[in-house]
Amino acid sequence: MLDTRYPFLSAYLKGEEARLVTSDHINRMSKVSSVQDILEIIKETDIGSYLDGVLVETFDDLDEHLWMYFGECLERVEWFKPVPADILKILK
């Protein structure tokens, strides 16, 4: 029997790609030296939007908030449980 949850999850996750950090962002970030310059470069991405409202002054601040962002992304995926066993392994 076909299960509509998996295609829906795939489509949802695919939709999240609309504002990803691209190779162009990476190239531009490699040419700057401050965290604030990096945040300016990625401000139009999902991660940049997330970081817009938080205080980020150092690399350690940025690292901490990026892990929180990643955790929130995983929580959104967990909302779609039950999912295939392979995806559950990735989530854990």
PDB file of N, CA and C in Angstrom:
ATOM      1  N   MET A   1       0.842  -1.186   0.000  1.00  0.00           N
ATOM      2  CA  MET A   1       0.000   0.000   0.000  1.00  0.00           C
ATOM      3  C   MET A   1       0.887   1.250   0.000  1.00  0.00           C
ATOM      4  N   LEU A   2       0.515   2.209  -0.787  1.00  0.00           N
ATOM      5  CA  LEU A   2       1.268   3.460  -0.846  1.00  0.00           C
ATOM      6  C   LEU A   2       1.025   4.283   0.409  1.00  0.00           C
ATOM      7  N   ASP A   3       2.041   4.951   0.849  1.00  0.00           N
ATOM      8  CA  ASP A   3       1.941   5.781   2.050  1.00  0.00           C
ATOM      9  C   ASP A   3       2.286   7.217   1.661  1.00  0.00           C
ATOM     10  N   THR A   4       1.387   8.135   1.893  1.00  0.00           N
ATOM     11  CA  THR A   4       1.597   9.530   1.482  1.00  0.00           C
ATOM     12  C   THR A   4       2.507  10.311   2.424  1.00  0.00           C
ATOM     13  N   ARG A   5       2.830   9.757   3.578  1.00  0.00           N
ATOM     14  CA  ARG A   5       3.671  10.504   4.526  1.00  0.00           C
ATOM     15  C   ARG A   5       5.061  10.756   3.967  1.00  0.00           C
ATOM     16  N   TYR A   6       5.655   9.767   3.319  1.00  0.00           N
ATOM     17  CA  TYR A   6       7.033   9.893   2.866  1.00  0.00           C
ATOM     18  C   TYR A   6       7.183  10.918   1.744  1.00  0.00           C
ATOM     19  N   PRO A   7       6.322  10.880   0.720  1.00  0.00           N
ATOM     20  CA  PRO A   7       6.434  11.944  -0.290  1.00  0.00           C
ATOM     21  C   PRO A   7       6.170  13.331   0.298  1.00  0.00           C
ATOM     22  N   PHE A   8       5.251  13.414   1.264  1.00  0.00           N
ATOM     23  CA  PHE A   8       4.969  14.703   1.885  1.00  0.00           C
ATOM     24  C   PHE A   8       6.191  15.201   2.646  1.00  0.00           C
ATOM     25  N   LEU A   9       6.829  14.316   3.406  1.00  0.00           N
ATOM     26  CA  LEU A   9       8.036  14.684   4.147  1.00  0.00           C
ATOM     27  C   LEU A   9       9.129  15.127   3.180  1.00  0.00           C
ATOM     28  N   SER A  10       9.287  14.383   2.103  1.00  0.00           N
ATOM     29  CA  SER A  10      10.295  14.737   1.107  1.00  0.00           C
ATOM     30  C   SER A  10      10.008  16.114   0.504  1.00  0.00           C
ATOM     31  N   ALA A  11       8.755  16.367   0.168  1.00  0.00           N
ATOM     32  CA  ALA A  11       8.381  17.663  -0.406  1.00  0.00           C
ATOM     33  C   ALA A  11       8.589  18.786   0.603  1.00  0.00           C
ATOM     34  N   TYR A  12       8.257  18.529   1.865  1.00  0.00           N
ATOM     35  CA  TYR A  12       8.445  19.540   2.910  1.00  0.00           C
ATOM     36  C   TYR A  12       9.919  19.899   3.037  1.00  0.00           C
ATOM     37  N   LEU A  13      10.754  18.877   3.122  1.00  0.00           N
ATOM     38  CA  LEU A  13      12.184  19.120   3.269  1.00  0.00           C
ATOM     39  C   LEU A  13      12.752  19.792   2.023  1.00  0.00           C
ATOM     40  N   LYS A  14      12.278  19.425   0.872  1.00  0.00           N
ATOM     41  CA  LYS A  14      12.736  20.050  -0.370  1.00  0.00           C
ATOM     42  C   LYS A  14      12.372  21.535  -0.378  1.00  0.00           C
ATOM     43  N   GLY A  15      11.207  21.861   0.131  1.00  0.00           N
ATOM     44  CA  GLY A  15      10.790  23.259   0.207  1.00  0.00           C
ATOM     45  C   GLY A  15      11.683  24.086   1.104  1.00  0.00           C
ATOM     46  N   GLU A  16      12.286  23.454   2.088  1.00  0.00           N
ATOM     47  CA  GLU A  16      13.187  24.158   2.995  1.00  0.00           C
ATOM     48  C   GLU A  16      14.490  24.563   2.312  1.00  0.00           C
ATOM     49  N   GLU A  17      14.765  24.013   1.138  1.00  0.00           N
ATOM     50  CA  GLU A  17      16.010  24.309   0.451  1.00  0.00           C
ATOM     51  C   GLU A  17      16.002  25.658  -0.258  1.00  0.00           C
ATOM     52  N   ALA A  18      14.867  26.304  -0.281  1.00  0.00           N
ATOM     53  CA  ALA A  18      14.722  27.512  -1.094  1.00  0.00           C
ATOM     54  C   ALA A  18      15.726  28.605  -0.737  1.00  0.00           C
ATOM     55  N   ARG A  19      16.121  28.675   0.504  1.00  0.00           N
ATOM     56  CA  ARG A  19      17.008  29.765   0.930  1.00  0.00           C
ATOM     57  C   ARG A  19      18.253  29.211   1.617  1.00  0.00           C
ATOM     58  N   LEU A  20      18.906  28.276   0.975  1.00  0.00           N
ATOM     59  CA  LEU A  20      20.108  27.660   1.518  1.00  0.00           C
ATOM     60  C   LEU A  20      21.340  28.524   1.292  1.00  0.00           C
ATOM     61  N   VAL A  21      22.361  28.240   2.052  1.00  0.00           N
ATOM     62  CA  VAL A  21      23.672  28.837   1.815  1.00  0.00           C
ATOM     63  C   VAL A  21      24.249  28.143   0.580  1.00  0.00           C
ATOM     64  N   THR A  22      24.653  28.921  -0.399  1.00  0.00           N
ATOM     65  CA  THR A  22      25.155  28.375  -1.664  1.00  0.00           C
ATOM     66  C   THR A  22      26.671  28.499  -1.758  1.00  0.00           C
ATOM     67  N   SER A  23      27.213  27.962  -2.830  1.00  0.00           N
ATOM     68  CA  SER A  23      28.663  28.081  -3.042  1.00  0.00           C
ATOM     69  C   SER A  23      29.075  29.545  -3.203  1.00  0.00           C
ATOM     70  N   ASP A  24      28.197  30.358  -3.756  1.00  0.00           N
ATOM     71  CA  ASP A  24      28.486  31.795  -3.860  1.00  0.00           C
ATOM     72  C   ASP A  24      28.638  32.418  -2.472  1.00  0.00           C
ATOM     73  N   HIS A  25      27.745  32.039  -1.554  1.00  0.00           N
ATOM     74  CA  HIS A  25      27.866  32.529  -0.174  1.00  0.00           C
ATOM     75  C   HIS A  25      29.208  32.102   0.424  1.00  0.00           C
ATOM     76  N   ILE A  26      29.552  30.832   0.231  1.00  0.00           N
ATOM     77  CA  ILE A  26      30.802  30.307   0.793  1.00  0.00           C
ATOM     78  C   ILE A  26      32.002  31.064   0.223  1.00  0.00           C
ATOM     79  N   ASN A  27      32.004  31.290  -1.076  1.00  0.00           N
ATOM     80  CA  ASN A  27      33.110  32.044  -1.696  1.00  0.00           C
ATOM     81  C   ASN A  27      33.221  33.440  -1.099  1.00  0.00           C
ATOM     82  N   ARG A  28      32.102  34.111  -0.948  1.00  0.00           N
ATOM     83  CA  ARG A  28      32.121  35.462  -0.377  1.00  0.00           C
ATOM     84  C   ARG A  28      32.545  35.435   1.091  1.00  0.00           C
ATOM     85  N   MET A  29      32.081  34.430   1.847  1.00  0.00           N
ATOM     86  CA  MET A  29      32.447  34.342   3.266  1.00  0.00           C
ATOM     87  C   MET A  29      33.939  34.087   3.439  1.00  0.00           C
ATOM     88  N   SER A  30      34.536  33.364   2.501  1.00  0.00           N
ATOM     89  CA  SER A  30      35.967  33.049   2.623  1.00  0.00           C
ATOM     90  C   SER A  30      36.850  34.283   2.461  1.00  0.00           C
ATOM     91  N   LYS A  31      36.274  35.370   1.985  1.00  0.00           N
ATOM     92  CA  LYS A  31      37.045  36.593   1.743  1.00  0.00           C
ATOM     93  C   LYS A  31      36.883  37.646   2.834  1.00  0.00           C
ATOM     94  N   VAL A  32      36.103  37.346   3.858  1.00  0.00           N
ATOM     95  CA  VAL A  32      35.912  38.307   4.950  1.00  0.00           C
ATOM     96  C   VAL A  32      36.488  37.738   6.234  1.00  0.00           C
ATOM     97  N   SER A  33      36.679  38.613   7.210  1.00  0.00           N
ATOM     98  CA  SER A  33      37.334  38.156   8.436  1.00  0.00           C
ATOM     99  C   SER A  33      36.480  38.283   9.688  1.00  0.00           C
ATOM    100  N   SER A  34      35.330  38.925   9.599  1.00  0.00           N
ATOM    101  CA  SER A  34      34.543  39.092  10.822  1.00  0.00           C
ATOM    102  C   SER A  34      33.234  38.302  10.749  1.00  0.00           C
ATOM    103  N   VAL A  35      32.770  37.906  11.906  1.00  0.00           N
ATOM    104  CA  VAL A  35      31.499  37.186  12.013  1.00  0.00           C
ATOM    105  C   VAL A  35      30.367  38.063  11.496  1.00  0.00           C
ATOM    106  N   GLN A  36      30.419  39.348  11.790  1.00  0.00           N
ATOM    107  CA  GLN A  36      29.360  40.258  11.336  1.00  0.00           C
ATOM    108  C   GLN A  36      29.296  40.328   9.808  1.00  0.00           C
ATOM    109  N   ASP A  37      30.453  40.298   9.154  1.00  0.00           N
ATOM    110  CA  ASP A  37      30.470  40.290   7.685  1.00  0.00           C
ATOM    111  C   ASP A  37      29.844  39.005   7.141  1.00  0.00           C
ATOM    112  N   ILE A  38      30.133  37.898   7.790  1.00  0.00           N
ATOM    113  CA  ILE A  38      29.541  36.620   7.381  1.00  0.00           C
ATOM    114  C   ILE A  38      28.028  36.666   7.534  1.00  0.00           C
ATOM    115  N   LEU A  39      27.559  37.191   8.660  1.00  0.00           N
ATOM    116  CA  LEU A  39      26.113  37.283   8.884  1.00  0.00           C
ATOM    117  C   LEU A  39      25.444  38.163   7.836  1.00  0.00           C
ATOM    118  N   GLU A  40      26.132  39.203   7.419  1.00  0.00           N
ATOM    119  CA  GLU A  40      25.592  40.080   6.370  1.00  0.00           C
ATOM    120  C   GLU A  40      25.460  39.327   5.044  1.00  0.00           C
ATOM    121  N   ILE A  41      26.421  38.482   4.747  1.00  0.00           N
ATOM    122  CA  ILE A  41      26.408  37.724   3.490  1.00  0.00           C
ATOM    123  C   ILE A  41      25.258  36.718   3.460  1.00  0.00           C
ATOM    124  N   ILE A  42      24.961  36.092   4.592  1.00  0.00           N
ATOM    125  CA  ILE A  42      23.929  35.041   4.611  1.00  0.00           C
ATOM    126  C   ILE A  42      22.573  35.531   5.098  1.00  0.00           C
ATOM    127  N   LYS A  43      22.389  36.836   5.223  1.00  0.00           N
ATOM    128  CA  LYS A  43      21.163  37.356   5.829  1.00  0.00           C
ATOM    129  C   LYS A  43      19.891  36.966   5.080  1.00  0.00           C
ATOM    130  N   GLU A  44      19.975  36.693   3.780  1.00  0.00           N
ATOM    131  CA  GLU A  44      18.790  36.335   2.996  1.00  0.00           C
ATOM    132  C   GLU A  44      18.524  34.831   2.965  1.00  0.00           C
ATOM    133  N   THR A  45      19.284  34.051   3.728  1.00  0.00           N
ATOM    134  CA  THR A  45      19.073  32.602   3.791  1.00  0.00           C
ATOM    135  C   THR A  45      18.245  32.266   5.021  1.00  0.00           C
ATOM    136  N   ASP A  46      17.800  31.009   5.110  1.00  0.00           N
ATOM    137  CA  ASP A  46      17.051  30.589   6.295  1.00  0.00           C
ATOM    138  C   ASP A  46      17.897  30.715   7.557  1.00  0.00           C
ATOM    139  N   ILE A  47      19.144  30.304   7.466  1.00  0.00           N
ATOM    140  CA  ILE A  47      20.034  30.402   8.625  1.00  0.00           C
ATOM    141  C   ILE A  47      20.268  31.866   8.988  1.00  0.00           C
ATOM    142  N   GLY A  48      20.458  32.697   7.984  1.00  0.00           N
ATOM    143  CA  GLY A  48      20.653  34.126   8.226  1.00  0.00           C
ATOM    144  C   GLY A  48      19.453  34.760   8.894  1.00  0.00           C
ATOM    145  N   SER A  49      18.254  34.366   8.460  1.00  0.00           N
ATOM    146  CA  SER A  49      17.029  34.880   9.094  1.00  0.00           C
ATOM    147  C   SER A  49      16.954  34.449  10.548  1.00  0.00           C
ATOM    148  N   TYR A  50      17.322  33.197  10.810  1.00  0.00           N
ATOM    149  CA  TYR A  50      17.324  32.681  12.173  1.00  0.00           C
ATOM    150  C   TYR A  50      18.302  33.468  13.045  1.00  0.00           C
ATOM    151  N   LEU A  51      19.468  33.750  12.515  1.00  0.00           N
ATOM    152  CA  LEU A  51      20.510  34.440  13.285  1.00  0.00           C
ATOM    153  C   LEU A  51      20.285  35.940  13.390  1.00  0.00           C
ATOM    154  N   ASP A  52      19.359  36.471  12.616  1.00  0.00           N
ATOM    155  CA  ASP A  52      19.115  37.913  12.596  1.00  0.00           C
ATOM    156  C   ASP A  52      18.735  38.469  13.965  1.00  0.00           C
ATOM    157  N   GLY A  53      17.996  37.716  14.745  1.00  0.00           N
ATOM    158  CA  GLY A  53      17.522  38.234  16.020  1.00  0.00           C
ATOM    159  C   GLY A  53      18.341  37.836  17.230  1.00  0.00           C
ATOM    160  N   VAL A  54      19.481  37.190  17.018  1.00  0.00           N
ATOM    161  CA  VAL A  54      20.282  36.740  18.157  1.00  0.00           C
ATOM    162  C   VAL A  54      21.607  37.499  18.208  1.00  0.00           C
ATOM    163  N   LEU A  55      22.163  37.577  19.393  1.00  0.00           N
ATOM    164  CA  LEU A  55      23.440  38.259  19.581  1.00  0.00           C
ATOM    165  C   LEU A  55      24.574  37.301  19.217  1.00  0.00           C
ATOM    166  N   VAL A  56      25.285  37.620  18.172  1.00  0.00           N
ATOM    167  CA  VAL A  56      26.415  36.809  17.716  1.00  0.00           C
ATOM    168  C   VAL A  56      27.603  37.741  17.546  1.00  0.00           C
ATOM    169  N   GLU A  57      28.604  37.545  18.396  1.00  0.00           N
ATOM    170  CA  GLU A  57      29.793  38.393  18.326  1.00  0.00           C
ATOM    171  C   GLU A  57      31.051  37.612  17.990  1.00  0.00           C
ATOM    172  N   THR A  58      31.080  36.338  18.371  1.00  0.00           N
ATOM    173  CA  THR A  58      32.276  35.530  18.157  1.00  0.00           C
ATOM    174  C   THR A  58      31.916  34.261  17.397  1.00  0.00           C
ATOM    175  N   PHE A  59      32.954  33.565  16.949  1.00  0.00           N
ATOM    176  CA  PHE A  59      32.727  32.290  16.275  1.00  0.00           C
ATOM    177  C   PHE A  59      32.017  31.314  17.204  1.00  0.00           C
ATOM    178  N   ASP A  60      32.396  31.297  18.488  1.00  0.00           N
ATOM    179  CA  ASP A  60      31.751  30.382  19.437  1.00  0.00           C
ATOM    180  C   ASP A  60      30.263  30.682  19.575  1.00  0.00           C
ATOM    181  N   ASP A  61      29.890  31.965  19.591  1.00  0.00           N
ATOM    182  CA  ASP A  61      28.467  32.334  19.617  1.00  0.00           C
ATOM    183  C   ASP A  61      27.763  31.782  18.377  1.00  0.00           C
ATOM    184  N   LEU A  62      28.393  31.981  17.233  1.00  0.00           N
ATOM    185  CA  LEU A  62      27.820  31.518  15.974  1.00  0.00           C
ATOM    186  C   LEU A  62      27.666  30.003  15.981  1.00  0.00           C
ATOM    187  N   ASP A  63      28.691  29.303  16.421  1.00  0.00           N
ATOM    188  CA  ASP A  63      28.659  27.844  16.485  1.00  0.00           C
ATOM    189  C   ASP A  63      27.516  27.357  17.375  1.00  0.00           C
ATOM    190  N   GLU A  64      27.368  27.969  18.532  1.00  0.00           N
ATOM    191  CA  GLU A  64      26.304  27.581  19.466  1.00  0.00           C
ATOM    192  C   GLU A  64      24.924  27.771  18.836  1.00  0.00           C
ATOM    193  N   HIS A  65      24.711  28.906  18.196  1.00  0.00           N
ATOM    194  CA  HIS A  65      23.406  29.177  17.589  1.00  0.00           C
ATOM    195  C   HIS A  65      23.144  28.299  16.367  1.00  0.00           C
ATOM    196  N   LEU A  66      24.180  27.952  15.633  1.00  0.00           N
ATOM    197  CA  LEU A  66      23.991  27.052  14.492  1.00  0.00           C
ATOM    198  C   LEU A  66      23.565  25.663  14.955  1.00  0.00           C
ATOM    199  N   TRP A  67      24.112  25.203  16.083  1.00  0.00           N
ATOM    200  CA  TRP A  67      23.679  23.911  16.625  1.00  0.00           C
ATOM    201  C   TRP A  67      22.228  23.985  17.092  1.00  0.00           C
ATOM    202  N   MET A  68      21.827  25.111  17.661  1.00  0.00           N
ATOM    203  CA  MET A  68      20.424  25.272  18.068  1.00  0.00           C
ATOM    204  C   MET A  68      19.513  25.270  16.843  1.00  0.00           C
ATOM    205  N   TYR A  69      19.940  25.945  15.790  1.00  0.00           N
ATOM    206  CA  TYR A  69      19.170  25.974  14.542  1.00  0.00           C
ATOM    207  C   TYR A  69      19.009  24.555  13.990  1.00  0.00           C
ATOM    208  N   PHE A  70      20.099  23.806  13.970  1.00  0.00           N
ATOM    209  CA  PHE A  70      20.064  22.430  13.484  1.00  0.00           C
ATOM    210  C   PHE A  70      19.097  21.589  14.321  1.00  0.00           C
ATOM    211  N   GLY A  71      19.138  21.771  15.639  1.00  0.00           N
ATOM    212  CA  GLY A  71      18.224  21.046  16.524  1.00  0.00           C
ATOM    213  C   GLY A  71      16.768  21.360  16.230  1.00  0.00           C
ATOM    214  N   GLU A  72      16.482  22.626  15.974  1.00  0.00           N
ATOM    215  CA  GLU A  72      15.108  23.018  15.644  1.00  0.00           C
ATOM    216  C   GLU A  72      14.669  22.418  14.313  1.00  0.00           C
ATOM    217  N   CYS A  73      15.583  22.334  13.362  1.00  0.00           N
ATOM    218  CA  CYS A  73      15.260  21.693  12.078  1.00  0.00           C
ATOM    219  C   CYS A  73      14.922  20.223  12.292  1.00  0.00           C
ATOM    220  N   LEU A  74      15.691  19.545  13.132  1.00  0.00           N
ATOM    221  CA  LEU A  74      15.417  18.137  13.412  1.00  0.00           C
ATOM    222  C   LEU A  74      14.093  17.963  14.139  1.00  0.00           C
ATOM    223  N   GLU A  75      13.756  18.896  15.028  1.00  0.00           N
ATOM    224  CA  GLU A  75      12.468  18.821  15.718  1.00  0.00           C
ATOM    225  C   GLU A  75      11.314  18.910  14.728  1.00  0.00           C
ATOM    226  N   ARG A  76      11.452  19.747  13.709  1.00  0.00           N
ATOM    227  CA  ARG A  76      10.400  19.845  12.687  1.00  0.00           C
ATOM    228  C   ARG A  76      10.247  18.531  11.943  1.00  0.00           C
ATOM    229  N   VAL A  77      11.362  17.880  11.654  1.00  0.00           N
ATOM    230  CA  VAL A  77      11.299  16.594  10.962  1.00  0.00           C
ATOM    231  C   VAL A  77      10.651  15.549  11.866  1.00  0.00           C
ATOM    232  N   GLU A  78      10.970  15.556  13.156  1.00  0.00           N
ATOM    233  CA  GLU A  78      10.395  14.585  14.084  1.00  0.00           C
ATOM    234  C   GLU A  78       8.885  14.707  14.163  1.00  0.00           C
ATOM    235  N   TRP A  79       8.354  15.878  13.844  1.00  0.00           N
ATOM    236  CA  TRP A  79       6.914  16.076  13.865  1.00  0.00           C
ATOM    237  C   TRP A  79       6.224  15.124  12.897  1.00  0.00           C
ATOM    238  N   PHE A  80       6.944  14.679  11.873  1.00  0.00           N
ATOM    239  CA  PHE A  80       6.373  13.820  10.845  1.00  0.00           C
ATOM    240  C   PHE A  80       6.444  12.332  11.192  1.00  0.00           C
ATOM    241  N   LYS A  81       6.801  11.986  12.405  1.00  0.00           N
ATOM    242  CA  LYS A  81       6.856  10.579  12.789  1.00  0.00           C
ATOM    243  C   LYS A  81       5.491   9.961  12.597  1.00  0.00           C
ATOM    244  N   PRO A  82       5.362   8.721  12.265  1.00  0.00           N
ATOM    245  CA  PRO A  82       6.463   7.795  11.995  1.00  0.00           C
ATOM    246  C   PRO A  82       7.025   7.997  10.596  1.00  0.00           C
ATOM    247  N   VAL A  83       8.319   7.899  10.528  1.00  0.00           N
ATOM    248  CA  VAL A  83       9.025   8.027   9.258  1.00  0.00           C
ATOM    249  C   VAL A  83       9.833   6.752   9.042  1.00  0.00           C
ATOM    250  N   PRO A  84      10.418   6.574   7.878  1.00  0.00           N
ATOM    251  CA  PRO A  84      11.214   5.366   7.638  1.00  0.00           C
ATOM    252  C   PRO A  84      12.328   5.217   8.671  1.00  0.00           C
ATOM    253  N   ALA A  85      12.672   3.979   8.956  1.00  0.00           N
ATOM    254  CA  ALA A  85      13.687   3.678   9.971  1.00  0.00           C
ATOM    255  C   ALA A  85      15.015   4.370   9.673  1.00  0.00           C
ATOM    256  N   ASP A  86      15.382   4.483   8.402  1.00  0.00           N
ATOM    257  CA  ASP A  86      16.651   5.138   8.050  1.00  0.00           C
ATOM    258  C   ASP A  86      16.665   6.600   8.476  1.00  0.00           C
ATOM    259  N   ILE A  87      15.551   7.279   8.313  1.00  0.00           N
ATOM    260  CA  ILE A  87      15.478   8.685   8.722  1.00  0.00           C
ATOM    261  C   ILE A  87      15.536   8.787  10.242  1.00  0.00           C
ATOM    262  N   LEU A  88      14.889   7.858  10.940  1.00  0.00           N
ATOM    263  CA  LEU A  88      14.949   7.874  12.408  1.00  0.00           C
ATOM    264  C   LEU A  88      16.382   7.721  12.900  1.00  0.00           C
ATOM    265  N   LYS A  89      17.176   6.896  12.224  1.00  0.00           N
ATOM    266  CA  LYS A  89      18.582   6.731  12.607  1.00  0.00           C
ATOM    267  C   LYS A  89      19.322   8.057  12.466  1.00  0.00           C
ATOM    268  N   ILE A  90      19.051   8.781  11.397  1.00  0.00           N
ATOM    269  CA  ILE A  90      19.705  10.070  11.176  1.00  0.00           C
ATOM    270  C   ILE A  90      19.304  11.060  12.263  1.00  0.00           C
ATOM    271  N   LEU A  91      18.028  11.045  12.645  1.00  0.00           N
ATOM    272  CA  LEU A  91      17.543  11.980  13.657  1.00  0.00           C
ATOM    273  C   LEU A  91      18.185  11.749  15.012  1.00  0.00           C
ATOM    274  N   LYS A  92      18.498  10.495  15.307  1.00  0.00           N
ATOM    275  CA  LYS A  92      19.071  10.189  16.616  1.00  0.00           C
ATOM    276  C   LYS A  92      20.556  10.354  16.545  1.00  0.00           C
TER     277      LYS A  92
END
